[in-house]
Amino acid sequence: KFVQMYKQKPNERTTHVGSTTFTLDKKYNDIKLIGQGSYGVVCSVYDSKLGKKVAIKKITPMAKHIEDAKHVLREIRLMRYLGIH
């Protein structure tokens, strides 16, 4: 039997995209799968607060191995460096 360890907040909702479960703020709508890879799943969502589409990536498992965690952190740093493009 599955035991939920995370208590969902009132402004969140859980949605399934493919075989992955996302728990997102309710400001995100129109969720569509963009792609999946070895580090996670990427979805396109509409952010009603910003008024534009954004991408959300769920990374799993984050730190199963130290090298995987390093690769994920490197990707995050690179995306921050590139910023809006």
PDB file of N, CA and C in Angstrom:
ATOM      1  N   LYS A   1       0.846  -1.185   0.000  1.00  0.00           N
ATOM      2  CA  LYS A   1       0.000   0.000   0.000  1.00  0.00           C
ATOM      3  C   LYS A   1       0.884   1.239   0.000  1.00  0.00           C
ATOM      4  N   PHE A   2       0.541   2.214  -0.846  1.00  0.00           N
ATOM      5  CA  PHE A   2       1.311   3.450  -0.981  1.00  0.00           C
ATOM      6  C   PHE A   2       0.972   4.389   0.166  1.00  0.00           C
ATOM      7  N   VAL A   3       2.003   4.913   0.815  1.00  0.00           N
ATOM      8  CA  VAL A   3       1.821   5.885   1.889  1.00  0.00           C
ATOM      9  C   VAL A   3       2.336   7.227   1.396  1.00  0.00           C
ATOM     10  N   GLN A   4       1.476   8.231   1.415  1.00  0.00           N
ATOM     11  CA  GLN A   4       1.880   9.549   0.939  1.00  0.00           C
ATOM     12  C   GLN A   4       2.648  10.259   2.046  1.00  0.00           C
ATOM     13  N   MET A   5       3.919  10.604   1.754  1.00  0.00           N
ATOM     14  CA  MET A   5       4.776  11.258   2.729  1.00  0.00           C
ATOM     15  C   MET A   5       4.617  12.779   2.669  1.00  0.00           C
ATOM     16  N   TYR A   6       4.127  13.298   1.558  1.00  0.00           N
ATOM     17  CA  TYR A   6       4.034  14.733   1.335  1.00  0.00           C
ATOM     18  C   TYR A   6       2.609  15.186   1.564  1.00  0.00           C
ATOM     19  N   LYS A   7       2.424  16.189   2.403  1.00  0.00           N
ATOM     20  CA  LYS A   7       1.089  16.732   2.630  1.00  0.00           C
ATOM     21  C   LYS A   7       0.858  17.872   1.643  1.00  0.00           C
ATOM     22  N   GLN A   8      -0.104  17.681   0.786  1.00  0.00           N
ATOM     23  CA  GLN A   8      -0.392  18.658  -0.256  1.00  0.00           C
ATOM     24  C   GLN A   8      -0.971  19.934   0.350  1.00  0.00           C
ATOM     25  N   LYS A   9      -0.508  21.082  -0.133  1.00  0.00           N
ATOM     26  CA  LYS A   9      -0.978  22.381   0.337  1.00  0.00           C
ATOM     27  C   LYS A   9      -2.264  22.751  -0.390  1.00  0.00           C
ATOM     28  N   PRO A  10      -3.076  23.648   0.197  1.00  0.00           N
ATOM     29  CA  PRO A  10      -4.358  24.004  -0.435  1.00  0.00           C
ATOM     30  C   PRO A  10      -4.227  24.632  -1.823  1.00  0.00           C
ATOM     31  N   ASN A  11      -3.102  25.306  -2.096  1.00  0.00           N
ATOM     32  CA  ASN A  11      -2.940  25.960  -3.400  1.00  0.00           C
ATOM     33  C   ASN A  11      -2.237  25.063  -4.414  1.00  0.00           C
ATOM     34  N   GLU A  12      -2.157  23.769  -4.137  1.00  0.00           N
ATOM     35  CA  GLU A  12      -1.501  22.815  -5.041  1.00  0.00           C
ATOM     36  C   GLU A  12      -2.499  21.790  -5.559  1.00  0.00           C
ATOM     37  N   ARG A  13      -2.116  21.175  -6.666  1.00  0.00           N
ATOM     38  CA  ARG A  13      -2.899  20.050  -7.191  1.00  0.00           C
ATOM     39  C   ARG A  13      -1.933  19.028  -7.765  1.00  0.00           C
ATOM     40  N   THR A  14      -2.363  17.799  -7.773  1.00  0.00           N
ATOM     41  CA  THR A  14      -1.555  16.709  -8.300  1.00  0.00           C
ATOM     42  C   THR A  14      -2.115  16.309  -9.655  1.00  0.00           C
ATOM     43  N   THR A  15      -1.219  16.150 -10.619  1.00  0.00           N
ATOM     44  CA  THR A  15      -1.628  15.748 -11.957  1.00  0.00           C
ATOM     45  C   THR A  15      -0.645  14.714 -12.487  1.00  0.00           C
ATOM     46  N   HIS A  16      -1.118  13.856 -13.352  1.00  0.00           N
ATOM     47  CA  HIS A  16      -0.275  12.812 -13.941  1.00  0.00           C
ATOM     48  C   HIS A  16       0.008  13.167 -15.394  1.00  0.00           C
ATOM     49  N   VAL A  17       1.284  13.142 -15.747  1.00  0.00           N
ATOM     50  CA  VAL A  17       1.718  13.383 -17.117  1.00  0.00           C
ATOM     51  C   VAL A  17       2.519  12.158 -17.519  1.00  0.00           C
ATOM     52  N   GLY A  18       1.967  11.381 -18.428  1.00  0.00           N
ATOM     53  CA  GLY A  18       2.603  10.103 -18.757  1.00  0.00           C
ATOM     54  C   GLY A  18       2.584   9.218 -17.519  1.00  0.00           C
ATOM     55  N   SER A  19       3.735   8.717 -17.147  1.00  0.00           N
ATOM     56  CA  SER A  19       3.822   7.871 -15.953  1.00  0.00           C
ATOM     57  C   SER A  19       4.390   8.637 -14.759  1.00  0.00           C
ATOM     58  N   THR A  20       4.465   9.969 -14.853  1.00  0.00           N
ATOM     59  CA  THR A  20       5.048  10.796 -13.798  1.00  0.00           C
ATOM     60  C   THR A  20       3.972  11.630 -13.127  1.00  0.00           C
ATOM     61  N   THR A  21       4.067  11.743 -11.814  1.00  0.00           N
ATOM     62  CA  THR A  21       3.135  12.547 -11.039  1.00  0.00           C
ATOM     63  C   THR A  21       3.781  13.884 -10.695  1.00  0.00           C
ATOM     64  N   PHE A  22       3.091  14.964 -11.004  1.00  0.00           N
ATOM     65  CA  PHE A  22       3.543  16.304 -10.681  1.00  0.00           C
ATOM     66  C   PHE A  22       2.617  16.896  -9.620  1.00  0.00           C
ATOM     67  N   THR A  23       3.176  17.533  -8.612  1.00  0.00           N
ATOM     68  CA  THR A  23       2.416  18.321  -7.658  1.00  0.00           C
ATOM     69  C   THR A  23       2.792  19.771  -7.919  1.00  0.00           C
ATOM     70  N   LEU A  24       1.840  20.518  -8.472  1.00  0.00           N
ATOM     71  CA  LEU A  24       2.110  21.883  -8.932  1.00  0.00           C
ATOM     72  C   LEU A  24       1.176  22.884  -8.279  1.00  0.00           C
ATOM     73  N   ASP A  25       1.629  24.126  -8.228  1.00  0.00           N
ATOM     74  CA  ASP A  25       0.803  25.228  -7.773  1.00  0.00           C
ATOM     75  C   ASP A  25      -0.381  25.343  -8.735  1.00  0.00           C
ATOM     76  N   LYS A  26      -1.523  25.777  -8.221  1.00  0.00           N
ATOM     77  CA  LYS A  26      -2.725  25.884  -9.062  1.00  0.00           C
ATOM     78  C   LYS A  26      -2.630  26.966 -10.127  1.00  0.00           C
ATOM     79  N   LYS A  27      -1.587  27.819 -10.047  1.00  0.00           N
ATOM     80  CA  LYS A  27      -1.419  28.846 -11.082  1.00  0.00           C
ATOM     81  C   LYS A  27      -0.964  28.253 -12.405  1.00  0.00           C
ATOM     82  N   TYR A  28      -0.519  27.003 -12.396  1.00  0.00           N
ATOM     83  CA  TYR A  28      -0.063  26.333 -13.617  1.00  0.00           C
ATOM     84  C   TYR A  28      -1.210  25.547 -14.236  1.00  0.00           C
ATOM     85  N   ASN A  29      -1.505  25.844 -15.497  1.00  0.00           N
ATOM     86  CA  ASN A  29      -2.596  25.201 -16.227  1.00  0.00           C
ATOM     87  C   ASN A  29      -2.089  24.678 -17.565  1.00  0.00           C
ATOM     88  N   ASP A  30      -2.950  23.953 -18.257  1.00  0.00           N
ATOM     89  CA  ASP A  30      -2.673  23.480 -19.619  1.00  0.00           C
ATOM     90  C   ASP A  30      -1.338  22.720 -19.687  1.00  0.00           C
ATOM     91  N   ILE A  31      -1.227  21.682 -18.873  1.00  0.00           N
ATOM     92  CA  ILE A  31       0.015  20.913 -18.749  1.00  0.00           C
ATOM     93  C   ILE A  31       0.143  19.942 -19.919  1.00  0.00           C
ATOM     94  N   LYS A  32       1.305  20.022 -20.621  1.00  0.00           N
ATOM     95  CA  LYS A  32       1.563  19.139 -21.761  1.00  0.00           C
ATOM     96  C   LYS A  32       2.977  18.588 -21.665  1.00  0.00           C
ATOM     97  N   LEU A  33       3.131  17.327 -21.971  1.00  0.00           N
ATOM     98  CA  LEU A  33       4.436  16.675 -21.971  1.00  0.00           C
ATOM     99  C   LEU A  33       5.254  17.186 -23.155  1.00  0.00           C
ATOM    100  N   ILE A  34       6.483  17.631 -22.870  1.00  0.00           N
ATOM    101  CA  ILE A  34       7.404  18.055 -23.928  1.00  0.00           C
ATOM    102  C   ILE A  34       8.357  16.916 -24.259  1.00  0.00           C
ATOM    103  N   GLY A  35       8.886  16.289 -23.216  1.00  0.00           N
ATOM    104  CA  GLY A  35       9.824  15.199 -23.437  1.00  0.00           C
ATOM    105  C   GLY A  35      10.288  14.562 -22.148  1.00  0.00           C
ATOM    106  N   GLN A  36      10.990  13.465 -22.297  1.00  0.00           N
ATOM    107  CA  GLN A  36      11.552  12.793 -21.133  1.00  0.00           C
ATOM    108  C   GLN A  36      12.916  12.239 -21.480  1.00  0.00           C
ATOM    109  N   GLY A  37      13.742  12.173 -20.460  1.00  0.00           N
ATOM    110  CA  GLY A  37      15.098  11.696 -20.653  1.00  0.00           C
ATOM    111  C   GLY A  37      15.575  10.937 -19.436  1.00  0.00           C
ATOM    112  N   SER A  38      16.867  10.742 -19.358  1.00  0.00           N
ATOM    113  CA  SER A  38      17.412   9.941 -18.273  1.00  0.00           C
ATOM    114  C   SER A  38      17.334  10.636 -16.918  1.00  0.00           C
ATOM    115  N   TYR A  39      17.189  11.959 -16.899  1.00  0.00           N
ATOM    116  CA  TYR A  39      17.131  12.673 -15.624  1.00  0.00           C
ATOM    117  C   TYR A  39      15.741  13.162 -15.260  1.00  0.00           C
ATOM    118  N   GLY A  40      14.770  12.992 -16.111  1.00  0.00           N
ATOM    119  CA  GLY A  40      13.442  13.434 -15.727  1.00  0.00           C
ATOM    120  C   GLY A  40      12.497  13.678 -16.880  1.00  0.00           C
ATOM    121  N   VAL A  41      11.417  14.394 -16.547  1.00  0.00           N
ATOM    122  CA  VAL A  41      10.335  14.678 -17.481  1.00  0.00           C
ATOM    123  C   VAL A  41      10.161  16.189 -17.559  1.00  0.00           C
ATOM    124  N   VAL A  42       9.974  16.715 -18.779  1.00  0.00           N
ATOM    125  CA  VAL A  42       9.775  18.149 -18.979  1.00  0.00           C
ATOM    126  C   VAL A  42       8.365  18.386 -19.503  1.00  0.00           C
ATOM    127  N   CYS A  43       7.680  19.350 -18.869  1.00  0.00           N
ATOM    128  CA  CYS A  43       6.322  19.710 -19.278  1.00  0.00           C
ATOM    129  C   CYS A  43       6.245  21.188 -19.602  1.00  0.00           C
ATOM    130  N   SER A  44       5.364  21.514 -20.521  1.00  0.00           N
ATOM    131  CA  SER A  44       5.025  22.893 -20.819  1.00  0.00           C
ATOM    132  C   SER A  44       3.761  23.203 -20.021  1.00  0.00           C
ATOM    133  N   VAL A  45       3.756  24.343 -19.327  1.00  0.00           N
ATOM    134  CA  VAL A  45       2.582  24.757 -18.557  1.00  0.00           C
ATOM    135  C   VAL A  45       2.337  26.244 -18.803  1.00  0.00           C
ATOM    136  N   TYR A  46       1.104  26.656 -18.605  1.00  0.00           N
ATOM    137  CA  TYR A  46       0.773  28.070 -18.688  1.00  0.00           C
ATOM    138  C   TYR A  46       0.739  28.616 -17.269  1.00  0.00           C
ATOM    139  N   ASP A  47       1.568  29.627 -16.998  1.00  0.00           N
ATOM    140  CA  ASP A  47       1.617  30.270 -15.684  1.00  0.00           C
ATOM    141  C   ASP A  47       0.636  31.439 -15.713  1.00  0.00           C
ATOM    142  N   SER A  48      -0.488  31.294 -15.019  1.00  0.00           N
ATOM    143  CA  SER A  48      -1.526  32.327 -15.059  1.00  0.00           C
ATOM    144  C   SER A  48      -1.088  33.606 -14.341  1.00  0.00           C
ATOM    145  N   LYS A  49      -0.131  33.513 -13.442  1.00  0.00           N
ATOM    146  CA  LYS A  49       0.374  34.705 -12.747  1.00  0.00           C
ATOM    147  C   LYS A  49       1.273  35.539 -13.662  1.00  0.00           C
ATOM    148  N   LEU A  50       2.145  34.868 -14.426  1.00  0.00           N
ATOM    149  CA  LEU A  50       3.036  35.560 -15.357  1.00  0.00           C
ATOM    150  C   LEU A  50       2.357  35.855 -16.694  1.00  0.00           C
ATOM    151  N   GLY A  51       1.326  35.065 -17.027  1.00  0.00           N
ATOM    152  CA  GLY A  51       0.632  35.240 -18.289  1.00  0.00           C
ATOM    153  C   GLY A  51       1.391  34.697 -19.484  1.00  0.00           C
ATOM    154  N   LYS A  52       2.218  33.657 -19.261  1.00  0.00           N
ATOM    155  CA  LYS A  52       2.965  33.065 -20.372  1.00  0.00           C
ATOM    156  C   LYS A  52       3.264  31.595 -20.092  1.00  0.00           C
ATOM    157  N   LYS A  53       3.705  30.905 -21.150  1.00  0.00           N
ATOM    158  CA  LYS A  53       4.083  29.510 -21.009  1.00  0.00           C
ATOM    159  C   LYS A  53       5.486  29.402 -20.402  1.00  0.00           C
ATOM    160  N   VAL A  54       5.666  28.407 -19.544  1.00  0.00           N
ATOM    161  CA  VAL A  54       6.966  28.107 -18.956  1.00  0.00           C
ATOM    162  C   VAL A  54       7.166  26.594 -18.996  1.00  0.00           C
ATOM    163  N   ALA A  55       8.398  26.169 -18.794  1.00  0.00           N
ATOM    164  CA  ALA A  55       8.705  24.742 -18.764  1.00  0.00           C
ATOM    165  C   ALA A  55       9.046  24.344 -17.333  1.00  0.00           C
ATOM    166  N   ILE A  56       8.591  23.154 -16.949  1.00  0.00           N
ATOM    167  CA  ILE A  56       8.901  22.602 -15.635  1.00  0.00           C
ATOM    168  C   ILE A  56       9.513  21.226 -15.853  1.00  0.00           C
ATOM    169  N   LYS A  57      10.637  20.985 -15.183  1.00  0.00           N
ATOM    170  CA  LYS A  57      11.308  19.700 -15.295  1.00  0.00           C
ATOM    171  C   LYS A  57      11.307  19.015 -13.937  1.00  0.00           C
ATOM    172  N   LYS A  58      10.808  17.799 -13.901  1.00  0.00           N
ATOM    173  CA  LYS A  58      10.847  16.998 -12.678  1.00  0.00           C
ATOM    174  C   LYS A  58      12.008  16.026 -12.808  1.00  0.00           C
ATOM    175  N   ILE A  59      12.932  16.133 -11.877  1.00  0.00           N
ATOM    176  CA  ILE A  59      14.141  15.320 -11.914  1.00  0.00           C
ATOM    177  C   ILE A  59      14.000  14.176 -10.916  1.00  0.00           C
ATOM    178  N   THR A  60      14.105  12.949 -11.408  1.00  0.00           N
ATOM    179  CA  THR A  60      14.001  11.779 -10.530  1.00  0.00           C
ATOM    180  C   THR A  60      14.976  10.708 -10.969  1.00  0.00           C
ATOM    181  N   PRO A  61      15.536   9.967 -10.110  1.00  0.00           N
ATOM    182  CA  PRO A  61      15.771  10.319  -8.708  1.00  0.00           C
ATOM    183  C   PRO A  61      16.908  11.319  -8.627  1.00  0.00           C
ATOM    184  N   MET A  62      16.762  12.324  -7.805  1.00  0.00           N
ATOM    185  CA  MET A  62      17.696  13.449  -7.769  1.00  0.00           C
ATOM    186  C   MET A  62      19.120  13.029  -7.434  1.00  0.00           C
ATOM    187  N   ALA A  63      19.286  12.262  -6.409  1.00  0.00           N
ATOM    188  CA  ALA A  63      20.648  11.962  -5.958  1.00  0.00           C
ATOM    189  C   ALA A  63      20.835  10.473  -5.680  1.00  0.00           C
ATOM    190  N   LYS A  64      20.382   9.666  -6.606  1.00  0.00           N
ATOM    191  CA  LYS A  64      20.577   8.229  -6.432  1.00  0.00           C
ATOM    192  C   LYS A  64      22.070   7.911  -6.431  1.00  0.00           C
ATOM    193  N   HIS A  65      22.800   8.597  -7.300  1.00  0.00           N
ATOM    194  CA  HIS A  65      24.264   8.474  -7.357  1.00  0.00           C
ATOM    195  C   HIS A  65      24.849   9.878  -7.359  1.00  0.00           C
ATOM    196  N   ILE A  66      25.988  10.050  -6.748  1.00  0.00           N
ATOM    197  CA  ILE A  66      26.623  11.363  -6.639  1.00  0.00           C
ATOM    198  C   ILE A  66      26.905  11.982  -8.009  1.00  0.00           C
ATOM    199  N   GLU A  67      27.296  11.175  -8.974  1.00  0.00           N
ATOM    200  CA  GLU A  67      27.573  11.705 -10.322  1.00  0.00           C
ATOM    201  C   GLU A  67      26.299  12.224 -10.987  1.00  0.00           C
ATOM    202  N   ASP A  68      25.178  11.534 -10.780  1.00  0.00           N
ATOM    203  CA  ASP A  68      23.912  12.016 -11.338  1.00  0.00           C
ATOM    204  C   ASP A  68      23.546  13.365 -10.733  1.00  0.00           C
ATOM    205  N   ALA A  69      23.720  13.507  -9.431  1.00  0.00           N
ATOM    206  CA  ALA A  69      23.417  14.775  -8.764  1.00  0.00           C
ATOM    207  C   ALA A  69      24.298  15.894  -9.314  1.00  0.00           C
ATOM    208  N   LYS A  70      25.566  15.609  -9.560  1.00  0.00           N
ATOM    209  CA  LYS A  70      26.475  16.613 -10.118  1.00  0.00           C
ATOM    210  C   LYS A  70      26.032  17.046 -11.510  1.00  0.00           C
ATOM    211  N   HIS A  71      25.594  16.104 -12.337  1.00  0.00           N
ATOM    212  CA  HIS A  71      25.135  16.429 -13.688  1.00  0.00           C
ATOM    213  C   HIS A  71      23.893  17.311 -13.641  1.00  0.00           C
ATOM    214  N   VAL A  72      22.973  16.995 -12.738  1.00  0.00           N
ATOM    215  CA  VAL A  72      21.745  17.775 -12.614  1.00  0.00           C
ATOM    216  C   VAL A  72      22.076  19.195 -12.155  1.00  0.00           C
ATOM    217  N   LEU A  73      22.937  19.332 -11.158  1.00  0.00           N
ATOM    218  CA  LEU A  73      23.319  20.663 -10.680  1.00  0.00           C
ATOM    219  C   LEU A  73      24.039  21.462 -11.759  1.00  0.00           C
ATOM    220  N   ARG A  74      24.855  20.795 -12.557  1.00  0.00           N
ATOM    221  CA  ARG A  74      25.537  21.464 -13.669  1.00  0.00           C
ATOM    222  C   ARG A  74      24.509  21.991 -14.669  1.00  0.00           C
ATOM    223  N   GLU A  75      23.492  21.197 -14.946  1.00  0.00           N
ATOM    224  CA  GLU A  75      22.441  21.618 -15.878  1.00  0.00           C
ATOM    225  C   GLU A  75      21.689  22.837 -15.323  1.00  0.00           C
ATOM    226  N   ILE A  76      21.393  22.837 -14.038  1.00  0.00           N
ATOM    227  CA  ILE A  76      20.689  23.964 -13.417  1.00  0.00           C
ATOM    228  C   ILE A  76      21.538  25.233 -13.509  1.00  0.00           C
ATOM    229  N   ARG A  77      22.827  25.115 -13.214  1.00  0.00           N
ATOM    230  CA  ARG A  77      23.719  26.275 -13.311  1.00  0.00           C
ATOM    231  C   ARG A  77      23.772  26.812 -14.735  1.00  0.00           C
ATOM    232  N   LEU A  78      23.840  25.915 -15.704  1.00  0.00           N
ATOM    233  CA  LEU A  78      23.897  26.324 -17.101  1.00  0.00           C
ATOM    234  C   LEU A  78      22.623  27.052 -17.516  1.00  0.00           C
ATOM    235  N   MET A  79      21.478  26.545 -17.094  1.00  0.00           N
ATOM    236  CA  MET A  79      20.209  27.179 -17.452  1.00  0.00           C
ATOM    237  C   MET A  79      20.088  28.555 -16.797  1.00  0.00           C
ATOM    238  N   ARG A  80      20.570  28.698 -15.562  1.00  0.00           N
ATOM    239  CA  ARG A  80      20.573  30.011 -14.907  1.00  0.00           C
ATOM    240  C   ARG A  80      21.479  30.976 -15.647  1.00  0.00           C
ATOM    241  N   TYR A  81      22.627  30.493 -16.085  1.00  0.00           N
ATOM    242  CA  TYR A  81      23.587  31.321 -16.818  1.00  0.00           C
ATOM    243  C   TYR A  81      22.986  31.805 -18.133  1.00  0.00           C
ATOM    244  N   LEU A  82      22.298  30.902 -18.843  1.00  0.00           N
ATOM    245  CA  LEU A  82      21.701  31.266 -20.131  1.00  0.00           C
ATOM    246  C   LEU A  82      20.525  32.217 -19.953  1.00  0.00           C
ATOM    247  N   GLY A  83      19.817  32.069 -18.851  1.00  0.00           N
ATOM    248  CA  GLY A  83      18.689  32.964 -18.560  1.00  0.00           C
ATOM    249  C   GLY A  83      17.614  32.885 -19.614  1.00  0.00           C
ATOM    250  N   ILE A  84      16.965  33.996 -19.847  1.00  0.00           N
ATOM    251  CA  ILE A  84      15.906  34.061 -20.862  1.00  0.00           C
ATOM    252  C   ILE A  84      16.568  34.168 -22.223  1.00  0.00           C
ATOM    253  N   HIS A  85      16.196  33.262 -23.120  1.00  0.00           N
ATOM    254  CA  HIS A  85      16.785  33.280 -24.456  1.00  0.00           C
ATOM    255  C   HIS A  85      15.750  32.985 -25.515  1.00  0.00           C
TER     256      HIS A  85
END
